Amino acid sequence: MNVNVRPARPGDGDGMARAWLSAAEYHTGLDPEHFRVPAEAQPGEFEEWLGRSRDGALLLAAELDGRVVGWLSARIEPPHPAAASQLVRELGWTRLAIDALVVDRADWRHGAGTALLTAAEAWGREQGAEVVRLDTYSGNPVSVPFYEDRMGYQRRAIVFQKRLT
């Protein structure tokens, strides 16, 4: 199967919503305390999003056999205005932030995720990004090895959480 990655466009909402709901079902199965299947993830919501301007942002769709099976949303974060007075060097760099990478579970392991992320990284380089950042659920036995082993990402931070109620 050949993966085609292209800019997302009107008409992709159905496939995007299907992938989003697939991700929600998967994550809810992993950790129902922190994830849920949204009641309102409708193709129309994605179509509305597709119609908005995305200056400085990237929205890609991945097709397999002519149908949308995944999507990626990313943006460029310029250096922080006060970077010179910050402890973290990264705040002085142009960064590619991956906000979402979603592939329909039925189409995993056919290269859509790899193709989407590779295309986003290339776009980030063209925009002057020096580093790419993303996050994923630490308890995900699929995405963690995908990012670390397949795509060469390294863990950079740990987010702690404690329930107060």
N, C-alpha and C. Protein backbone atom coordinates (compact mmCIF):
# COMPACT_ATOMS: atom_id res chain seq x y z
N MET A 1 0.84 -1.19 0.00
CA MET A 1 0.00 0.00 0.00
C MET A 1 0.88 1.24 0.00
N ASN A 2 0.52 2.19 -0.81
CA ASN A 2 1.24 3.45 -0.89
C ASN A 2 0.52 4.50 -0.07
N VAL A 3 1.27 5.20 0.77
CA VAL A 3 0.72 6.29 1.57
C VAL A 3 0.93 7.59 0.80
N ASN A 4 -0.11 8.36 0.69
CA ASN A 4 -0.04 9.69 0.09
C ASN A 4 -0.28 10.71 1.19
N VAL A 5 0.70 11.57 1.43
CA VAL A 5 0.55 12.64 2.41
C VAL A 5 0.39 13.94 1.65
N ARG A 6 -0.60 14.72 2.04
CA ARG A 6 -0.91 15.98 1.37
C ARG A 6 -1.53 16.93 2.37
N PRO A 7 -1.62 18.21 2.00
CA PRO A 7 -2.34 19.14 2.89
C PRO A 7 -3.79 18.69 3.06
N ALA A 8 -4.28 18.75 4.27
CA ALA A 8 -5.69 18.41 4.51
C ALA A 8 -6.55 19.45 3.82
N ARG A 9 -7.72 19.03 3.38
CA ARG A 9 -8.59 19.93 2.63
C ARG A 9 -10.05 19.60 2.93
N PRO A 10 -10.94 20.52 2.58
CA PRO A 10 -12.36 20.23 2.76
C PRO A 10 -12.72 18.90 2.09
N GLY A 11 -13.53 18.14 2.78
CA GLY A 11 -13.89 16.80 2.34
C GLY A 11 -13.16 15.71 3.11
N ASP A 12 -12.12 16.09 3.88
CA ASP A 12 -11.35 15.12 4.66
C ASP A 12 -11.95 14.87 6.05
N GLY A 13 -12.98 15.62 6.41
CA GLY A 13 -13.53 15.55 7.77
C GLY A 13 -13.98 14.18 8.19
N ASP A 14 -14.55 13.42 7.27
CA ASP A 14 -15.04 12.09 7.60
C ASP A 14 -13.89 11.19 8.07
N GLY A 15 -12.82 11.14 7.28
CA GLY A 15 -11.66 10.31 7.64
C GLY A 15 -10.96 10.81 8.89
N MET A 16 -10.89 12.13 9.05
CA MET A 16 -10.25 12.70 10.24
C MET A 16 -11.05 12.34 11.49
N ALA A 17 -12.37 12.45 11.41
CA ALA A 17 -13.21 12.12 12.57
C ALA A 17 -13.10 10.63 12.90
N ARG A 18 -13.07 9.79 11.89
CA ARG A 18 -12.96 8.35 12.10
C ARG A 18 -11.65 8.03 12.81
N ALA A 19 -10.54 8.64 12.36
CA ALA A 19 -9.25 8.41 13.01
C ALA A 19 -9.25 8.92 14.44
N TRP A 20 -9.86 10.09 14.66
CA TRP A 20 -9.93 10.68 16.00
C TRP A 20 -10.69 9.77 16.96
N LEU A 21 -11.84 9.25 16.51
CA LEU A 21 -12.64 8.36 17.35
C LEU A 21 -11.90 7.04 17.60
N SER A 22 -11.17 6.56 16.60
CA SER A 22 -10.38 5.35 16.77
C SER A 22 -9.32 5.56 17.86
N ALA A 23 -8.66 6.72 17.81
CA ALA A 23 -7.65 7.04 18.83
C ALA A 23 -8.29 7.16 20.21
N ALA A 24 -9.47 7.77 20.26
CA ALA A 24 -10.17 7.92 21.54
C ALA A 24 -10.53 6.56 22.12
N GLU A 25 -11.03 5.66 21.30
CA GLU A 25 -11.38 4.32 21.77
C GLU A 25 -10.15 3.57 22.27
N TYR A 26 -9.07 3.68 21.53
CA TYR A 26 -7.83 3.01 21.92
C TYR A 26 -7.32 3.53 23.27
N HIS A 27 -7.22 4.85 23.40
CA HIS A 27 -6.69 5.44 24.62
C HIS A 27 -7.63 5.22 25.82
N THR A 28 -8.91 5.24 25.57
CA THR A 28 -9.86 4.96 26.64
C THR A 28 -9.69 3.54 27.14
N GLY A 29 -9.40 2.62 26.24
CA GLY A 29 -9.12 1.24 26.65
C GLY A 29 -7.85 1.13 27.48
N LEU A 30 -6.88 1.96 27.21
CA LEU A 30 -5.63 1.95 27.99
C LEU A 30 -5.81 2.56 29.37
N ASP A 31 -6.56 3.67 29.44
CA ASP A 31 -6.65 4.43 30.69
C ASP A 31 -7.96 5.21 30.73
N PRO A 32 -9.06 4.55 31.12
CA PRO A 32 -10.36 5.23 31.11
C PRO A 32 -10.48 6.36 32.14
N GLU A 33 -9.58 6.43 33.09
CA GLU A 33 -9.62 7.54 34.05
C GLU A 33 -9.20 8.85 33.39
N HIS A 34 -8.32 8.78 32.41
CA HIS A 34 -7.79 9.99 31.80
C HIS A 34 -8.25 10.24 30.37
N PHE A 35 -8.84 9.24 29.72
CA PHE A 35 -9.30 9.40 28.34
C PHE A 35 -10.77 9.03 28.25
N ARG A 36 -11.42 9.54 27.21
CA ARG A 36 -12.81 9.21 26.95
C ARG A 36 -13.07 9.29 25.45
N VAL A 37 -14.13 8.66 25.05
CA VAL A 37 -14.56 8.76 23.66
C VAL A 37 -15.48 9.97 23.60
N PRO A 38 -15.10 11.00 22.85
CA PRO A 38 -15.93 12.21 22.81
C PRO A 38 -17.28 11.94 22.15
N ALA A 39 -18.29 12.56 22.70
CA ALA A 39 -19.64 12.39 22.18
C ALA A 39 -19.86 13.20 20.91
N GLU A 40 -19.05 14.22 20.70
CA GLU A 40 -19.33 15.17 19.63
C GLU A 40 -18.30 15.19 18.51
N ALA A 41 -17.48 14.18 18.35
CA ALA A 41 -16.48 14.18 17.28
C ALA A 41 -17.17 13.83 15.96
N GLN A 42 -17.67 14.82 15.30
CA GLN A 42 -18.41 14.64 14.05
C GLN A 42 -17.58 15.15 12.87
N PRO A 43 -17.78 14.56 11.70
CA PRO A 43 -17.06 15.04 10.52
C PRO A 43 -17.24 16.54 10.28
N GLY A 44 -18.43 17.08 10.59
CA GLY A 44 -18.68 18.50 10.38
C GLY A 44 -17.76 19.38 11.19
N GLU A 45 -17.41 18.95 12.39
CA GLU A 45 -16.47 19.72 13.22
C GLU A 45 -15.10 19.82 12.55
N PHE A 46 -14.67 18.71 11.97
CA PHE A 46 -13.39 18.70 11.28
C PHE A 46 -13.47 19.53 10.01
N GLU A 47 -14.60 19.45 9.32
CA GLU A 47 -14.77 20.26 8.11
C GLU A 47 -14.71 21.75 8.44
N GLU A 48 -15.30 22.13 9.56
CA GLU A 48 -15.24 23.54 9.99
C GLU A 48 -13.80 23.95 10.26
N TRP A 49 -13.07 23.09 10.91
CA TRP A 49 -11.65 23.34 11.22
C TRP A 49 -10.86 23.47 9.92
N LEU A 50 -11.15 22.62 8.95
CA LEU A 50 -10.44 22.66 7.67
C LEU A 50 -10.67 23.96 6.93
N GLY A 51 -11.80 24.60 7.16
CA GLY A 51 -12.12 25.85 6.49
C GLY A 51 -11.46 27.07 7.08
N ARG A 52 -10.84 26.93 8.26
CA ARG A 52 -10.19 28.08 8.91
C ARG A 52 -8.79 28.31 8.37
N SER A 53 -8.34 29.56 8.48
CA SER A 53 -6.99 29.94 8.08
C SER A 53 -5.98 29.34 9.07
N ARG A 54 -4.84 28.89 8.55
CA ARG A 54 -3.82 28.28 9.40
C ARG A 54 -2.46 28.91 9.15
N ASP A 55 -2.36 30.20 9.24
CA ASP A 55 -1.07 30.85 9.05
C ASP A 55 -0.07 30.31 10.06
N GLY A 56 1.08 29.90 9.59
CA GLY A 56 2.13 29.40 10.47
C GLY A 56 1.85 28.03 11.04
N ALA A 57 0.85 27.34 10.48
CA ALA A 57 0.51 26.01 10.98
C ALA A 57 0.44 25.04 9.81
N LEU A 58 0.46 23.78 10.14
CA LEU A 58 0.44 22.72 9.16
C LEU A 58 -0.66 21.73 9.52
N LEU A 59 -1.44 21.34 8.55
CA LEU A 59 -2.45 20.31 8.74
C LEU A 59 -2.35 19.37 7.54
N LEU A 60 -1.93 18.15 7.80
CA LEU A 60 -1.72 17.16 6.76
C LEU A 60 -2.71 16.01 6.89
N ALA A 61 -3.01 15.38 5.76
CA ALA A 61 -3.82 14.17 5.73
C ALA A 61 -3.01 13.07 5.09
N ALA A 62 -3.20 11.84 5.56
CA ALA A 62 -2.56 10.67 4.97
C ALA A 62 -3.65 9.81 4.34
N GLU A 63 -3.42 9.45 3.10
CA GLU A 63 -4.37 8.60 2.37
C GLU A 63 -3.75 7.24 2.09
N LEU A 64 -4.57 6.22 2.20
CA LEU A 64 -4.24 4.87 1.74
C LEU A 64 -5.36 4.47 0.80
N ASP A 65 -5.01 4.06 -0.37
CA ASP A 65 -6.02 3.65 -1.36
C ASP A 65 -7.10 4.72 -1.55
N GLY A 66 -6.70 5.99 -1.51
CA GLY A 66 -7.63 7.08 -1.77
C GLY A 66 -8.53 7.50 -0.62
N ARG A 67 -8.35 6.90 0.55
CA ARG A 67 -9.18 7.31 1.69
C ARG A 67 -8.30 7.85 2.81
N VAL A 68 -8.79 8.87 3.51
CA VAL A 68 -8.04 9.48 4.60
C VAL A 68 -8.04 8.53 5.79
N VAL A 69 -6.82 8.17 6.23
CA VAL A 69 -6.67 7.24 7.35
C VAL A 69 -5.96 7.87 8.54
N GLY A 70 -5.44 9.09 8.35
CA GLY A 70 -4.74 9.75 9.44
C GLY A 70 -4.49 11.20 9.13
N TRP A 71 -4.07 11.92 10.17
CA TRP A 71 -3.80 13.35 10.00
C TRP A 71 -2.82 13.82 11.06
N LEU A 72 -2.23 14.96 10.77
CA LEU A 72 -1.25 15.57 11.66
C LEU A 72 -1.48 17.07 11.69
N SER A 73 -1.38 17.63 12.88
CA SER A 73 -1.47 19.07 13.08
C SER A 73 -0.18 19.54 13.75
N ALA A 74 0.42 20.60 13.22
CA ALA A 74 1.68 21.11 13.76
C ALA A 74 1.74 22.61 13.56
N ARG A 75 2.68 23.23 14.27
CA ARG A 75 2.86 24.68 14.16
C ARG A 75 4.31 25.02 14.48
N ILE A 76 4.70 26.19 14.05
CA ILE A 76 6.04 26.70 14.35
C ILE A 76 5.95 27.61 15.57
N GLU A 77 6.84 27.38 16.52
CA GLU A 77 6.96 28.25 17.68
C GLU A 77 8.27 29.02 17.54
N PRO A 78 8.19 30.34 17.40
CA PRO A 78 9.42 31.13 17.26
C PRO A 78 10.15 31.20 18.60
N PRO A 79 11.39 31.66 18.57
CA PRO A 79 12.12 31.83 19.84
C PRO A 79 11.33 32.73 20.79
N HIS A 80 11.42 32.42 22.06
CA HIS A 80 10.74 33.21 23.09
C HIS A 80 11.38 34.60 23.16
N PRO A 81 10.56 35.66 23.29
CA PRO A 81 11.13 37.02 23.31
C PRO A 81 12.16 37.24 24.42
N ALA A 82 12.01 36.53 25.53
CA ALA A 82 12.96 36.69 26.64
C ALA A 82 13.92 35.51 26.72
N ALA A 83 14.22 34.89 25.59
CA ALA A 83 15.05 33.69 25.57
C ALA A 83 16.43 33.91 26.21
N ALA A 84 16.99 35.08 26.02
CA ALA A 84 18.34 35.34 26.55
C ALA A 84 18.40 35.26 28.07
N SER A 85 17.27 35.46 28.73
CA SER A 85 17.28 35.42 30.20
C SER A 85 16.70 34.11 30.74
N GLN A 86 16.48 33.15 29.86
CA GLN A 86 15.90 31.87 30.28
C GLN A 86 16.98 30.81 30.52
N LEU A 87 16.69 29.89 31.40
CA LEU A 87 17.60 28.79 31.72
C LEU A 87 17.65 27.75 30.61
N VAL A 88 16.53 27.50 29.96
CA VAL A 88 16.43 26.45 28.96
C VAL A 88 16.83 27.00 27.58
N ARG A 89 17.87 26.44 26.98
CA ARG A 89 18.35 26.90 25.68
C ARG A 89 17.29 26.83 24.59
N GLU A 90 16.47 25.80 24.66
CA GLU A 90 15.47 25.56 23.62
C GLU A 90 14.56 26.76 23.39
N LEU A 91 14.34 27.56 24.39
CA LEU A 91 13.46 28.72 24.23
C LEU A 91 14.03 29.75 23.26
N GLY A 92 15.30 29.64 22.95
CA GLY A 92 15.92 30.53 21.97
C GLY A 92 15.91 29.96 20.56
N TRP A 93 15.36 28.77 20.40
CA TRP A 93 15.34 28.11 19.10
C TRP A 93 13.95 28.23 18.46
N THR A 94 13.92 28.15 17.15
CA THR A 94 12.65 27.97 16.44
C THR A 94 12.29 26.50 16.55
N ARG A 95 11.05 26.22 16.99
CA ARG A 95 10.65 24.85 17.28
C ARG A 95 9.43 24.44 16.45
N LEU A 96 9.43 23.21 16.02
CA LEU A 96 8.26 22.62 15.39
C LEU A 96 7.50 21.89 16.49
N ALA A 97 6.26 22.27 16.72
CA ALA A 97 5.42 21.62 17.74
C ALA A 97 4.38 20.76 17.02
N ILE A 98 4.43 19.47 17.27
CA ILE A 98 3.43 18.55 16.74
C ILE A 98 2.30 18.49 17.77
N ASP A 99 1.14 18.98 17.38
CA ASP A 99 0.00 19.01 18.30
C ASP A 99 -0.80 17.71 18.27
N ALA A 100 -0.86 17.06 17.13
CA ALA A 100 -1.61 15.81 17.02
C ALA A 100 -1.09 15.01 15.85
N LEU A 101 -0.96 13.71 16.07
CA LEU A 101 -0.67 12.74 15.01
C LEU A 101 -1.61 11.58 15.27
N VAL A 102 -2.56 11.39 14.37
CA VAL A 102 -3.63 10.41 14.58
C VAL A 102 -3.76 9.54 13.34
N VAL A 103 -3.75 8.24 13.54
CA VAL A 103 -3.98 7.29 12.45
C VAL A 103 -5.06 6.31 12.91
N ASP A 104 -6.01 6.05 12.04
CA ASP A 104 -7.07 5.10 12.34
C ASP A 104 -6.44 3.76 12.69
N ARG A 105 -6.85 3.19 13.82
CA ARG A 105 -6.24 1.95 14.31
C ARG A 105 -6.32 0.83 13.27
N ALA A 106 -7.37 0.80 12.48
CA ALA A 106 -7.51 -0.24 11.45
C ALA A 106 -6.41 -0.14 10.39
N ASP A 107 -5.75 1.00 10.33
CA ASP A 107 -4.71 1.22 9.31
C ASP A 107 -3.32 1.40 9.90
N TRP A 108 -3.13 1.00 11.15
CA TRP A 108 -1.80 1.06 11.74
C TRP A 108 -0.86 0.13 11.00
N ARG A 109 0.40 0.46 11.07
CA ARG A 109 1.49 -0.34 10.54
C ARG A 109 1.49 -0.46 9.01
N HIS A 110 0.96 0.58 8.38
CA HIS A 110 1.03 0.66 6.92
C HIS A 110 1.83 1.89 6.47
N GLY A 111 2.46 2.59 7.42
CA GLY A 111 3.34 3.70 7.08
C GLY A 111 2.74 5.08 7.14
N ALA A 112 1.45 5.21 7.49
CA ALA A 112 0.81 6.53 7.50
C ALA A 112 1.43 7.43 8.57
N GLY A 113 1.64 6.91 9.78
CA GLY A 113 2.22 7.72 10.84
C GLY A 113 3.63 8.17 10.50
N THR A 114 4.43 7.25 9.99
CA THR A 114 5.80 7.58 9.59
C THR A 114 5.80 8.64 8.49
N ALA A 115 4.94 8.48 7.50
CA ALA A 115 4.89 9.43 6.39
C ALA A 115 4.44 10.80 6.86
N LEU A 116 3.44 10.85 7.74
CA LEU A 116 2.96 12.14 8.26
C LEU A 116 4.06 12.85 9.05
N LEU A 117 4.71 12.13 9.95
CA LEU A 117 5.74 12.75 10.79
C LEU A 117 6.96 13.16 9.96
N THR A 118 7.33 12.36 9.01
CA THR A 118 8.46 12.70 8.14
C THR A 118 8.16 13.97 7.34
N ALA A 119 6.94 14.07 6.82
CA ALA A 119 6.54 15.27 6.07
C ALA A 119 6.53 16.51 6.97
N ALA A 120 6.05 16.35 8.18
CA ALA A 120 6.01 17.49 9.11
C ALA A 120 7.42 17.94 9.48
N GLU A 121 8.32 16.99 9.69
CA GLU A 121 9.71 17.34 10.01
C GLU A 121 10.35 18.11 8.85
N ALA A 122 10.09 17.67 7.63
CA ALA A 122 10.64 18.37 6.46
C ALA A 122 10.08 19.79 6.38
N TRP A 123 8.79 19.95 6.63
CA TRP A 123 8.16 21.27 6.63
C TRP A 123 8.78 22.14 7.72
N GLY A 124 8.98 21.56 8.90
CA GLY A 124 9.60 22.31 10.00
C GLY A 124 10.99 22.80 9.65
N ARG A 125 11.78 21.94 9.02
CA ARG A 125 13.13 22.36 8.58
C ARG A 125 13.03 23.53 7.61
N GLU A 126 12.09 23.45 6.66
CA GLU A 126 11.91 24.53 5.69
C GLU A 126 11.52 25.84 6.37
N GLN A 127 10.85 25.75 7.52
CA GLN A 127 10.43 26.94 8.25
C GLN A 127 11.51 27.43 9.22
N GLY A 128 12.65 26.74 9.25
CA GLY A 128 13.76 27.15 10.10
C GLY A 128 13.76 26.52 11.48
N ALA A 129 12.93 25.50 11.70
CA ALA A 129 12.90 24.85 13.01
C ALA A 129 14.21 24.10 13.26
N GLU A 130 14.67 24.19 14.48
CA GLU A 130 15.90 23.51 14.88
C GLU A 130 15.62 22.22 15.63
N VAL A 131 14.41 22.11 16.17
CA VAL A 131 14.03 20.96 16.98
C VAL A 131 12.53 20.74 16.83
N VAL A 132 12.11 19.51 17.02
CA VAL A 132 10.68 19.19 16.99
C VAL A 132 10.30 18.64 18.36
N ARG A 133 9.13 19.06 18.84
CA ARG A 133 8.62 18.59 20.14
C ARG A 133 7.24 18.01 19.94
N LEU A 134 6.95 16.99 20.68
CA LEU A 134 5.62 16.41 20.73
C LEU A 134 5.47 15.68 22.04
N ASP A 135 4.26 15.33 22.37
CA ASP A 135 4.06 14.51 23.55
C ASP A 135 3.14 13.35 23.21
N THR A 136 3.21 12.32 24.01
CA THR A 136 2.35 11.17 23.87
C THR A 136 2.10 10.60 25.26
N TYR A 137 1.09 9.81 25.37
CA TYR A 137 0.76 9.17 26.65
C TYR A 137 1.83 8.13 26.98
N SER A 138 2.44 8.26 28.15
CA SER A 138 3.56 7.39 28.53
C SER A 138 3.17 5.92 28.63
N GLY A 139 1.90 5.64 28.86
CA GLY A 139 1.43 4.26 28.97
C GLY A 139 0.99 3.66 27.65
N ASN A 140 1.31 4.31 26.54
CA ASN A 140 0.89 3.81 25.23
C ASN A 140 1.97 2.86 24.68
N PRO A 141 1.67 1.56 24.61
CA PRO A 141 2.69 0.59 24.17
C PRO A 141 2.95 0.63 22.67
N VAL A 142 2.21 1.45 21.92
CA VAL A 142 2.43 1.58 20.48
C VAL A 142 3.17 2.86 20.15
N SER A 143 2.69 4.00 20.69
CA SER A 143 3.29 5.27 20.29
C SER A 143 4.68 5.49 20.88
N VAL A 144 4.92 5.05 22.09
CA VAL A 144 6.24 5.28 22.69
C VAL A 144 7.34 4.61 21.86
N PRO A 145 7.22 3.31 21.53
CA PRO A 145 8.25 2.71 20.68
C PRO A 145 8.28 3.30 19.26
N PHE A 146 7.13 3.73 18.75
CA PHE A 146 7.12 4.36 17.43
C PHE A 146 8.02 5.59 17.44
N TYR A 147 7.81 6.47 18.40
CA TYR A 147 8.62 7.69 18.44
C TYR A 147 10.08 7.42 18.77
N GLU A 148 10.33 6.56 19.75
CA GLU A 148 11.71 6.33 20.17
C GLU A 148 12.49 5.43 19.21
N ASP A 149 11.94 4.29 18.89
CA ASP A 149 12.69 3.29 18.12
C ASP A 149 12.61 3.52 16.61
N ARG A 150 11.44 3.88 16.13
CA ARG A 150 11.29 4.02 14.68
C ARG A 150 11.69 5.41 14.19
N MET A 151 11.30 6.44 14.95
CA MET A 151 11.49 7.81 14.47
C MET A 151 12.68 8.53 15.10
N GLY A 152 13.34 7.94 16.08
CA GLY A 152 14.56 8.51 16.64
C GLY A 152 14.37 9.64 17.65
N TYR A 153 13.19 9.73 18.24
CA TYR A 153 12.94 10.77 19.25
C TYR A 153 13.50 10.32 20.60
N GLN A 154 13.85 11.31 21.42
CA GLN A 154 14.36 11.04 22.76
C GLN A 154 13.44 11.68 23.79
N ARG A 155 13.30 11.01 24.91
CA ARG A 155 12.51 11.59 26.00
C ARG A 155 13.23 12.82 26.52
N ARG A 156 12.48 13.89 26.70
CA ARG A 156 13.08 15.16 27.09
C ARG A 156 12.58 15.64 28.44
N ALA A 157 11.37 15.24 28.81
CA ALA A 157 10.78 15.72 30.06
C ALA A 157 9.82 14.67 30.60
N ILE A 158 9.49 14.81 31.85
CA ILE A 158 8.48 13.97 32.48
C ILE A 158 7.45 14.90 33.08
N VAL A 159 6.19 14.65 32.80
CA VAL A 159 5.11 15.44 33.37
C VAL A 159 4.52 14.63 34.52
N PHE A 160 4.50 15.20 35.70
CA PHE A 160 3.92 14.53 36.85
C PHE A 160 2.50 15.01 37.08
N GLN A 161 1.71 14.11 37.64
CA GLN A 161 0.33 14.45 37.96
C GLN A 161 -0.02 13.79 39.28
N LYS A 162 -0.83 14.48 40.06
CA LYS A 162 -1.32 13.94 41.32
C LYS A 162 -2.76 14.39 41.48
N ARG A 163 -3.63 13.42 41.70
CA ARG A 163 -5.04 13.74 41.90
C ARG A 163 -5.23 14.36 43.28
N LEU A 164 -5.95 15.46 43.36
CA LEU A 164 -6.18 16.16 44.62
C LEU A 164 -7.56 15.88 45.22
N THR A 165 -8.39 15.19 44.50
CA THR A 165 -9.73 14.88 45.03
C THR A 165 -9.91 13.41 45.20
